[in-house]
Amino acid sequence: MIVEIVKVDKNGRIYLPASLRKKFGTGSFYIEERGDEIVLIPIRKRIMKYYGIFKGENLSAEELDKLIEEKTEKLLRDEL
């Protein structure tokens, strides 16, 4: 386990040490709040190709659920 202290600059940016970027092989991370912690989860390149596929503004929860279900089914068919 790598333990490092990083700082947030005045623009809110965090600089991740090269050792961590190399270890995870990515420069993109999900950020998740877990209680009083912030967790960075690496996004693998294969997943990045799906970034932004759920486009749409002002969708209802039901419309968004249906869109996610349709897109997921299509992605699974295309991947198999």
PDB file of N, CA and C in Angstrom:
ATOM      1  N   MET A   1       0.851  -1.183   0.000  1.00  0.00           N
ATOM      2  CA  MET A   1       0.000   0.000   0.000  1.00  0.00           C
ATOM      3  C   MET A   1       0.887   1.235   0.000  1.00  0.00           C
ATOM      4  N   ILE A   2       0.575   2.171  -0.887  1.00  0.00           N
ATOM      5  CA  ILE A   2       1.311   3.429  -0.980  1.00  0.00           C
ATOM      6  C   ILE A   2       0.565   4.471  -0.158  1.00  0.00           C
ATOM      7  N   VAL A   3       1.272   5.159   0.704  1.00  0.00           N
ATOM      8  CA  VAL A   3       0.669   6.226   1.501  1.00  0.00           C
ATOM      9  C   VAL A   3       1.412   7.512   1.179  1.00  0.00           C
ATOM     10  N   GLU A   4       0.685   8.512   0.737  1.00  0.00           N
ATOM     11  CA  GLU A   4       1.276   9.802   0.380  1.00  0.00           C
ATOM     12  C   GLU A   4       0.353  10.904   0.900  1.00  0.00           C
ATOM     13  N   ILE A   5       0.920  12.038   1.165  1.00  0.00           N
ATOM     14  CA  ILE A   5       0.135  13.226   1.512  1.00  0.00           C
ATOM     15  C   ILE A   5       0.122  14.116   0.277  1.00  0.00           C
ATOM     16  N   VAL A   6      -1.062  14.510  -0.143  1.00  0.00           N
ATOM     17  CA  VAL A   6      -1.194  15.400  -1.292  1.00  0.00           C
ATOM     18  C   VAL A   6      -1.940  16.648  -0.844  1.00  0.00           C
ATOM     19  N   LYS A   7      -1.749  17.713  -1.575  1.00  0.00           N
ATOM     20  CA  LYS A   7      -2.410  18.978  -1.246  1.00  0.00           C
ATOM     21  C   LYS A   7      -3.357  19.374  -2.360  1.00  0.00           C
ATOM     22  N   VAL A   8      -4.348  20.159  -1.997  1.00  0.00           N
ATOM     23  CA  VAL A   8      -5.293  20.714  -2.949  1.00  0.00           C
ATOM     24  C   VAL A   8      -4.854  22.136  -3.248  1.00  0.00           C
ATOM     25  N   ASP A   9      -4.730  22.478  -4.547  1.00  0.00           N
ATOM     26  CA  ASP A   9      -4.307  23.840  -4.880  1.00  0.00           C
ATOM     27  C   ASP A   9      -5.493  24.799  -4.806  1.00  0.00           C
ATOM     28  N   LYS A  10      -5.247  26.064  -5.092  1.00  0.00           N
ATOM     29  CA  LYS A  10      -6.294  27.087  -4.954  1.00  0.00           C
ATOM     30  C   LYS A  10      -7.451  26.878  -5.927  1.00  0.00           C
ATOM     31  N   ASN A  11      -7.231  26.075  -6.985  1.00  0.00           N
ATOM     32  CA  ASN A  11      -8.291  25.769  -7.949  1.00  0.00           C
ATOM     33  C   ASN A  11      -8.980  24.450  -7.649  1.00  0.00           C
ATOM     34  N   GLY A  12      -8.648  23.828  -6.520  1.00  0.00           N
ATOM     35  CA  GLY A  12      -9.283  22.582  -6.120  1.00  0.00           C
ATOM     36  C   GLY A  12      -8.673  21.337  -6.737  1.00  0.00           C
ATOM     37  N   ARG A  13      -7.516  21.470  -7.372  1.00  0.00           N
ATOM     38  CA  ARG A  13      -6.869  20.328  -8.009  1.00  0.00           C
ATOM     39  C   ARG A  13      -5.996  19.575  -7.026  1.00  0.00           C
ATOM     40  N   ILE A  14      -6.015  18.259  -7.176  1.00  0.00           N
ATOM     41  CA  ILE A  14      -5.157  17.384  -6.385  1.00  0.00           C
ATOM     42  C   ILE A  14      -4.151  16.766  -7.348  1.00  0.00           C
ATOM     43  N   TYR A  15      -2.895  16.811  -6.986  1.00  0.00           N
ATOM     44  CA  TYR A  15      -1.862  16.204  -7.814  1.00  0.00           C
ATOM     45  C   TYR A  15      -1.535  14.827  -7.265  1.00  0.00           C
ATOM     46  N   LEU A  16      -1.835  13.811  -8.078  1.00  0.00           N
ATOM     47  CA  LEU A  16      -1.544  12.444  -7.664  1.00  0.00           C
ATOM     48  C   LEU A  16      -0.096  12.115  -8.025  1.00  0.00           C
ATOM     49  N   PRO A  17       0.628  11.504  -7.110  1.00  0.00           N
ATOM     50  CA  PRO A  17       2.009  11.133  -7.397  1.00  0.00           C
ATOM     51  C   PRO A  17       2.084  10.169  -8.589  1.00  0.00           C
ATOM     52  N   ALA A  18       3.159  10.291  -9.369  1.00  0.00           N
ATOM     53  CA  ALA A  18       3.355   9.445 -10.545  1.00  0.00           C
ATOM     54  C   ALA A  18       3.303   7.965 -10.179  1.00  0.00           C
ATOM     55  N   SER A  19       3.792   7.617  -9.003  1.00  0.00           N
ATOM     56  CA  SER A  19       3.795   6.203  -8.598  1.00  0.00           C
ATOM     57  C   SER A  19       2.371   5.635  -8.551  1.00  0.00           C
ATOM     58  N   LEU A  20       1.413   6.432  -8.106  1.00  0.00           N
ATOM     59  CA  LEU A  20       0.016   5.970  -8.063  1.00  0.00           C
ATOM     60  C   LEU A  20      -0.591   5.915  -9.459  1.00  0.00           C
ATOM     61  N   ARG A  21      -0.320   6.939 -10.281  1.00  0.00           N
ATOM     62  CA  ARG A  21      -0.852   6.929 -11.649  1.00  0.00           C
ATOM     63  C   ARG A  21      -0.317   5.732 -12.417  1.00  0.00           C
ATOM     64  N   LYS A  22       0.956   5.438 -12.246  1.00  0.00           N
ATOM     65  CA  LYS A  22       1.555   4.295 -12.941  1.00  0.00           C
ATOM     66  C   LYS A  22       0.998   2.980 -12.406  1.00  0.00           C
ATOM     67  N   LYS A  23       0.843   2.879 -11.104  1.00  0.00           N
ATOM     68  CA  LYS A  23       0.329   1.656 -10.503  1.00  0.00           C
ATOM     69  C   LYS A  23      -1.047   1.293 -11.049  1.00  0.00           C
ATOM     70  N   PHE A  24      -1.914   2.291 -11.190  1.00  0.00           N
ATOM     71  CA  PHE A  24      -3.270   2.035 -11.641  1.00  0.00           C
ATOM     72  C   PHE A  24      -3.424   2.181 -13.151  1.00  0.00           C
ATOM     73  N   GLY A  25      -2.406   2.680 -13.823  1.00  0.00           N
ATOM     74  CA  GLY A  25      -2.425   2.755 -15.281  1.00  0.00           C
ATOM     75  C   GLY A  25      -3.484   3.667 -15.854  1.00  0.00           C
ATOM     76  N   THR A  26      -3.820   4.719 -15.142  1.00  0.00           N
ATOM     77  CA  THR A  26      -4.853   5.632 -15.625  1.00  0.00           C
ATOM     78  C   THR A  26      -4.656   7.015 -15.016  1.00  0.00           C
ATOM     79  N   GLY A  27      -5.212   7.996 -15.668  1.00  0.00           N
ATOM     80  CA  GLY A  27      -5.218   9.353 -15.142  1.00  0.00           C
ATOM     81  C   GLY A  27      -6.631   9.804 -14.827  1.00  0.00           C
ATOM     82  N   SER A  28      -7.587   8.859 -14.904  1.00  0.00           N
ATOM     83  CA  SER A  28      -8.987   9.182 -14.652  1.00  0.00           C
ATOM     84  C   SER A  28      -9.508   8.353 -13.491  1.00  0.00           C
ATOM     85  N   PHE A  29     -10.249   9.018 -12.625  1.00  0.00           N
ATOM     86  CA  PHE A  29     -10.761   8.374 -11.426  1.00  0.00           C
ATOM     87  C   PHE A  29     -12.184   8.827 -11.169  1.00  0.00           C
ATOM     88  N   TYR A  30     -13.016   7.915 -10.665  1.00  0.00           N
ATOM     89  CA  TYR A  30     -14.294   8.311 -10.088  1.00  0.00           C
ATOM     90  C   TYR A  30     -13.962   8.882  -8.726  1.00  0.00           C
ATOM     91  N   ILE A  31     -14.749   9.834  -8.277  1.00  0.00           N
ATOM     92  CA  ILE A  31     -14.592  10.329  -6.915  1.00  0.00           C
ATOM     93  C   ILE A  31     -15.886  10.019  -6.188  1.00  0.00           C
ATOM     94  N   GLU A  32     -15.767   9.428  -5.026  1.00  0.00           N
ATOM     95  CA  GLU A  32     -16.932   8.986  -4.271  1.00  0.00           C
ATOM     96  C   GLU A  32     -16.804   9.460  -2.826  1.00  0.00           C
ATOM     97  N   GLU A  33     -17.889   9.966  -2.312  1.00  0.00           N
ATOM     98  CA  GLU A  33     -17.928  10.381  -0.902  1.00  0.00           C
ATOM     99  C   GLU A  33     -18.455   9.197  -0.104  1.00  0.00           C
ATOM    100  N   ARG A  34     -17.700   8.814   0.911  1.00  0.00           N
ATOM    101  CA  ARG A  34     -18.119   7.720   1.804  1.00  0.00           C
ATOM    102  C   ARG A  34     -18.046   8.236   3.228  1.00  0.00           C
ATOM    103  N   GLY A  35     -19.190   8.690   3.700  1.00  0.00           N
ATOM    104  CA  GLY A  35     -19.222   9.262   5.049  1.00  0.00           C
ATOM    105  C   GLY A  35     -18.354  10.510   5.097  1.00  0.00           C
ATOM    106  N   ASP A  36     -17.314  10.468   5.922  1.00  0.00           N
ATOM    107  CA  ASP A  36     -16.421  11.631   6.039  1.00  0.00           C
ATOM    108  C   ASP A  36     -15.115  11.416   5.266  1.00  0.00           C
ATOM    109  N   GLU A  37     -15.147  10.530   4.262  1.00  0.00           N
ATOM    110  CA  GLU A  37     -13.968  10.248   3.443  1.00  0.00           C
ATOM    111  C   GLU A  37     -14.265  10.504   1.965  1.00  0.00           C
ATOM    112  N   ILE A  38     -13.202  10.768   1.224  1.00  0.00           N
ATOM    113  CA  ILE A  38     -13.270  10.871  -0.228  1.00  0.00           C
ATOM    114  C   ILE A  38     -12.443   9.725  -0.777  1.00  0.00           C
ATOM    115  N   VAL A  39     -13.039   8.966  -1.692  1.00  0.00           N
ATOM    116  CA  VAL A  39     -12.361   7.797  -2.252  1.00  0.00           C
ATOM    117  C   VAL A  39     -12.208   7.996  -3.757  1.00  0.00           C
ATOM    118  N   LEU A  40     -10.999   7.770  -4.269  1.00  0.00           N
ATOM    119  CA  LEU A  40     -10.744   7.816  -5.702  1.00  0.00           C
ATOM    120  C   LEU A  40     -10.719   6.384  -6.221  1.00  0.00           C
ATOM    121  N   ILE A  41     -11.509   6.114  -7.262  1.00  0.00           N
ATOM    122  CA  ILE A  41     -11.587   4.782  -7.837  1.00  0.00           C
ATOM    123  C   ILE A  41     -11.094   4.867  -9.274  1.00  0.00           C
ATOM    124  N   PRO A  42     -10.022   4.145  -9.602  1.00  0.00           N
ATOM    125  CA  PRO A  42      -9.467   4.245 -10.954  1.00  0.00           C
ATOM    126  C   PRO A  42     -10.450   3.792 -12.025  1.00  0.00           C
ATOM    127  N   ILE A  43     -10.460   4.522 -13.133  1.00  0.00           N
ATOM    128  CA  ILE A  43     -11.270   4.165 -14.292  1.00  0.00           C
ATOM    129  C   ILE A  43     -10.324   3.559 -15.318  1.00  0.00           C
ATOM    130  N   ARG A  44     -10.540   2.334 -15.641  1.00  0.00           N
ATOM    131  CA  ARG A  44      -9.710   1.652 -16.626  1.00  0.00           C
ATOM    132  C   ARG A  44     -10.056   2.140 -18.032  1.00  0.00           C
ATOM    133  N   LYS A  45      -9.117   2.072 -18.932  1.00  0.00           N
ATOM    134  CA  LYS A  45      -9.310   2.569 -20.296  1.00  0.00           C
ATOM    135  C   LYS A  45     -10.505   1.919 -20.983  1.00  0.00           C
ATOM    136  N   ARG A  46     -10.730   0.637 -20.737  1.00  0.00           N
ATOM    137  CA  ARG A  46     -11.842  -0.044 -21.380  1.00  0.00           C
ATOM    138  C   ARG A  46     -13.179   0.596 -20.994  1.00  0.00           C
ATOM    139  N   ILE A  47     -13.286   1.000 -19.756  1.00  0.00           N
ATOM    140  CA  ILE A  47     -14.524   1.636 -19.291  1.00  0.00           C
ATOM    141  C   ILE A  47     -14.672   3.035 -19.877  1.00  0.00           C
ATOM    142  N   MET A  48     -13.548   3.728 -20.098  1.00  0.00           N
ATOM    143  CA  MET A  48     -13.600   5.105 -20.589  1.00  0.00           C
ATOM    144  C   MET A  48     -14.297   5.219 -21.935  1.00  0.00           C
ATOM    145  N   LYS A  49     -14.301   4.153 -22.743  1.00  0.00           N
ATOM    146  CA  LYS A  49     -14.954   4.259 -24.046  1.00  0.00           C
ATOM    147  C   LYS A  49     -16.461   4.460 -23.894  1.00  0.00           C
ATOM    148  N   TYR A  50     -17.002   4.163 -22.712  1.00  0.00           N
ATOM    149  CA  TYR A  50     -18.429   4.337 -22.470  1.00  0.00           C
ATOM    150  C   TYR A  50     -18.773   5.687 -21.845  1.00  0.00           C
ATOM    151  N   TYR A  51     -17.747   6.487 -21.541  1.00  0.00           N
ATOM    152  CA  TYR A  51     -17.978   7.783 -20.904  1.00  0.00           C
ATOM    153  C   TYR A  51     -18.850   8.651 -21.813  1.00  0.00           C
ATOM    154  N   GLY A  52     -19.908   9.205 -21.280  1.00  0.00           N
ATOM    155  CA  GLY A  52     -20.755  10.144 -22.004  1.00  0.00           C
ATOM    156  C   GLY A  52     -21.823   9.525 -22.881  1.00  0.00           C
ATOM    157  N   ILE A  53     -22.037   8.218 -22.818  1.00  0.00           N
ATOM    158  CA  ILE A  53     -23.029   7.610 -23.705  1.00  0.00           C
ATOM    159  C   ILE A  53     -24.461   7.921 -23.283  1.00  0.00           C
ATOM    160  N   PHE A  54     -24.662   8.258 -22.031  1.00  0.00           N
ATOM    161  CA  PHE A  54     -26.010   8.566 -21.560  1.00  0.00           C
ATOM    162  C   PHE A  54     -26.239  10.061 -21.633  1.00  0.00           C
ATOM    163  N   LYS A  55     -26.503  10.546 -22.839  1.00  0.00           N
ATOM    164  CA  LYS A  55     -26.705  11.977 -23.037  1.00  0.00           C
ATOM    165  C   LYS A  55     -28.190  12.300 -22.875  1.00  0.00           C
ATOM    166  N   GLY A  56     -28.451  13.477 -22.415  1.00  0.00           N
ATOM    167  CA  GLY A  56     -29.832  13.898 -22.281  1.00  0.00           C
ATOM    168  C   GLY A  56     -29.971  14.862 -21.125  1.00  0.00           C
ATOM    169  N   GLU A  57     -30.814  15.810 -21.299  1.00  0.00           N
ATOM    170  CA  GLU A  57     -31.055  16.804 -20.265  1.00  0.00           C
ATOM    171  C   GLU A  57     -32.490  16.657 -19.772  1.00  0.00           C
ATOM    172  N   ASN A  58     -32.696  16.934 -18.518  1.00  0.00           N
ATOM    173  CA  ASN A  58     -34.030  16.972 -17.930  1.00  0.00           C
ATOM    174  C   ASN A  58     -34.801  15.662 -18.093  1.00  0.00           C
ATOM    175  N   LEU A  59     -34.126  14.545 -17.922  1.00  0.00           N
ATOM    176  CA  LEU A  59     -34.807  13.261 -17.986  1.00  0.00           C
ATOM    177  C   LEU A  59     -35.409  12.935 -16.623  1.00  0.00           C
ATOM    178  N   SER A  60     -36.586  12.334 -16.648  1.00  0.00           N
ATOM    179  CA  SER A  60     -37.181  11.885 -15.393  1.00  0.00           C
ATOM    180  C   SER A  60     -36.426  10.647 -14.929  1.00  0.00           C
ATOM    181  N   ALA A  61     -36.609  10.270 -13.680  1.00  0.00           N
ATOM    182  CA  ALA A  61     -35.953   9.081 -13.153  1.00  0.00           C
ATOM    183  C   ALA A  61     -36.358   7.853 -13.961  1.00  0.00           C
ATOM    184  N   GLU A  62     -37.628   7.774 -14.342  1.00  0.00           N
ATOM    185  CA  GLU A  62     -38.114   6.635 -15.120  1.00  0.00           C
ATOM    186  C   GLU A  62     -37.473   6.609 -16.504  1.00  0.00           C
ATOM    187  N   GLU A  63     -37.382   7.783 -17.148  1.00  0.00           N
ATOM    188  CA  GLU A  63     -36.756   7.854 -18.471  1.00  0.00           C
ATOM    189  C   GLU A  63     -35.277   7.486 -18.405  1.00  0.00           C
ATOM    190  N   LEU A  64     -34.600   7.949 -17.372  1.00  0.00           N
ATOM    191  CA  LEU A  64     -33.185   7.639 -17.204  1.00  0.00           C
ATOM    192  C   LEU A  64     -32.984   6.146 -16.949  1.00  0.00           C
ATOM    193  N   ASP A  65     -33.824   5.553 -16.102  1.00  0.00           N
ATOM    194  CA  ASP A  65     -33.746   4.113 -15.850  1.00  0.00           C
ATOM    195  C   ASP A  65     -33.922   3.319 -17.142  1.00  0.00           C
ATOM    196  N   LYS A  66     -34.908   3.710 -17.952  1.00  0.00           N
ATOM    197  CA  LYS A  66     -35.165   3.005 -19.213  1.00  0.00           C
ATOM    198  C   LYS A  66     -33.978   3.155 -20.157  1.00  0.00           C
ATOM    199  N   LEU A  67     -33.418   4.352 -20.259  1.00  0.00           N
ATOM    200  CA  LEU A  67     -32.272   4.603 -21.120  1.00  0.00           C
ATOM    201  C   LEU A  67     -31.067   3.766 -20.683  1.00  0.00           C
ATOM    202  N   ILE A  68     -30.815   3.720 -19.392  1.00  0.00           N
ATOM    203  CA  ILE A  68     -29.687   2.936 -18.863  1.00  0.00           C
ATOM    204  C   ILE A  68     -29.892   1.451 -19.179  1.00  0.00           C
ATOM    205  N   GLU A  69     -31.105   0.974 -18.986  1.00  0.00           N
ATOM    206  CA  GLU A  69     -31.397  -0.441 -19.261  1.00  0.00           C
ATOM    207  C   GLU A  69     -31.173  -0.764 -20.736  1.00  0.00           C
ATOM    208  N   GLU A  70     -31.676   0.100 -21.627  1.00  0.00           N
ATOM    209  CA  GLU A  70     -31.512  -0.127 -23.066  1.00  0.00           C
ATOM    210  C   GLU A  70     -30.039  -0.102 -23.472  1.00  0.00           C
ATOM    211  N   LYS A  71     -29.318   0.901 -23.013  1.00  0.00           N
ATOM    212  CA  LYS A  71     -27.899   1.033 -23.375  1.00  0.00           C
ATOM    213  C   LYS A  71     -27.072  -0.118 -22.809  1.00  0.00           C
ATOM    214  N   THR A  72     -27.384  -0.545 -21.586  1.00  0.00           N
ATOM    215  CA  THR A  72     -26.635  -1.643 -20.976  1.00  0.00           C
ATOM    216  C   THR A  72     -26.855  -2.925 -21.761  1.00  0.00           C
ATOM    217  N   GLU A  73     -28.093  -3.196 -22.147  1.00  0.00           N
ATOM    218  CA  GLU A  73     -28.381  -4.387 -22.946  1.00  0.00           C
ATOM    219  C   GLU A  73     -27.618  -4.346 -24.265  1.00  0.00           C
ATOM    220  N   LYS A  74     -27.594  -3.187 -24.920  1.00  0.00           N
ATOM    221  CA  LYS A  74     -26.881  -3.062 -26.195  1.00  0.00           C
ATOM    222  C   LYS A  74     -25.384  -3.273 -25.990  1.00  0.00           C
ATOM    223  N   LEU A  75     -24.821  -2.657 -24.953  1.00  0.00           N
ATOM    224  CA  LEU A  75     -23.396  -2.826 -24.687  1.00  0.00           C
ATOM    225  C   LEU A  75     -23.043  -4.280 -24.417  1.00  0.00           C
ATOM    226  N   LEU A  76     -23.872  -4.963 -23.646  1.00  0.00           N
ATOM    227  CA  LEU A  76     -23.615  -6.366 -23.362  1.00  0.00           C
ATOM    228  C   LEU A  76     -23.681  -7.216 -24.619  1.00  0.00           C
ATOM    229  N   ARG A  77     -24.641  -6.935 -25.478  1.00  0.00           N
ATOM    230  CA  ARG A  77     -24.730  -7.684 -26.741  1.00  0.00           C
ATOM    231  C   ARG A  77     -23.496  -7.433 -27.602  1.00  0.00           C
ATOM    232  N   ASP A  78     -23.041  -6.196 -27.653  1.00  0.00           N
ATOM    233  CA  ASP A  78     -21.877  -5.836 -28.479  1.00  0.00           C
ATOM    234  C   ASP A  78     -20.578  -6.403 -27.929  1.00  0.00           C
ATOM    235  N   GLU A  79     -20.495  -6.581 -26.614  1.00  0.00           N
ATOM    236  CA  GLU A  79     -19.270  -7.062 -25.986  1.00  0.00           C
ATOM    237  C   GLU A  79     -19.135  -8.580 -26.043  1.00  0.00           C
ATOM    238  N   LEU A  80     -20.271  -9.290 -26.120  1.00  0.00           N
ATOM    239  CA  LEU A  80     -20.240 -10.762 -26.093  1.00  0.00           C
ATOM    240  C   LEU A  80     -19.933 -11.345 -27.458  1.00  0.00           C
TER     241      LEU A  80
END
